Amino acid sequence: MSTMIDIPTPDGTADAYLAHPDDGAPHPAVLLYMDAFGLRPHLKGMADRLAAAGYTVLVPNVFYRSGRAPVVELPDFINPAERPEIIASLRPAALSLTPERAMSDAAVYLDWLAASPLTTDGKVGVTGYCMGAGLALRTAGTHPDRVAAAAGFHGAFLATDAPDSPHLLAERITAELYFGHADQDTTNPADQIARLDKTLTAAGVRHRAEVYAGAHHGFTQADTAMYGAEATERHWAALLELLGRAL
């Protein structure tokens, strides 16, 4: 079963997609962070697939301060020619989502999941895509008492030189992590992949990171030209293995 819901936050109302098994019983909770293109049919389908595997899944529109989803008009299929213009139109919404705002929102989403009769007690799983991978990593470091597992796929800017780079929260993380990196990804070059792994290892964080050969940034998003079917199925196997073990 699935539905759109509204979640009150200190800064307004976040629209979100909720998917859960049809039995109406409580199931382990998963917070799914969107990519930059946002909450749209493809991401809802990903949430539905997780729900079919036995999870209650919340997909918030993290750009809700800029409007309800879709924040900008999107074509049914995002091709390379349209991509730069769409990204440019979404940049103000992305820039306004500061780490402080994002983690304030994360607390609200986690509270909502904890209070829902559709979720079991205990820690949650988090997965994120593109910019959402950074949000997943940041959530694991900001709310370590609430996150059992976090995954990120084709993540962007995970371990930069910025003073607020998400990898700097490594010492706070207690969750088990998994990253599926794309090797054709200018937003997550090899030096950042190495820095992330080194930092997590030094902090004693249980984690596994794999570089998917031939995969492009956005490889899980079937409504874009960056999609890779083989890499996507690899992602599903890794994600479901992580969630099954941790939750």
Foldseek 3Di string as FASTA:
>chain_A
DKDWDWFQAPLGIWIKIKEADPPLAAFFEEEEEEALQFDDDQVNVVQNVVRVVTYIYIYIRLLPSQHYPPSDDDDQAAEPVCVVVSCVVSVVSVVVCDLVNLLSVVVRVLVVQCPDNRHDDAAHEYEYAACGLQSQLQNQLVCVRRHAEYEYEQYFQQADPDPVRSLVSLLRGPHEYEYEHECAEPRQHPVRVVVSVVSNVVSVHHYYYDYDYPQYRVQLRPRYPRHDPVSNVVVVVVVVVRRVVRD
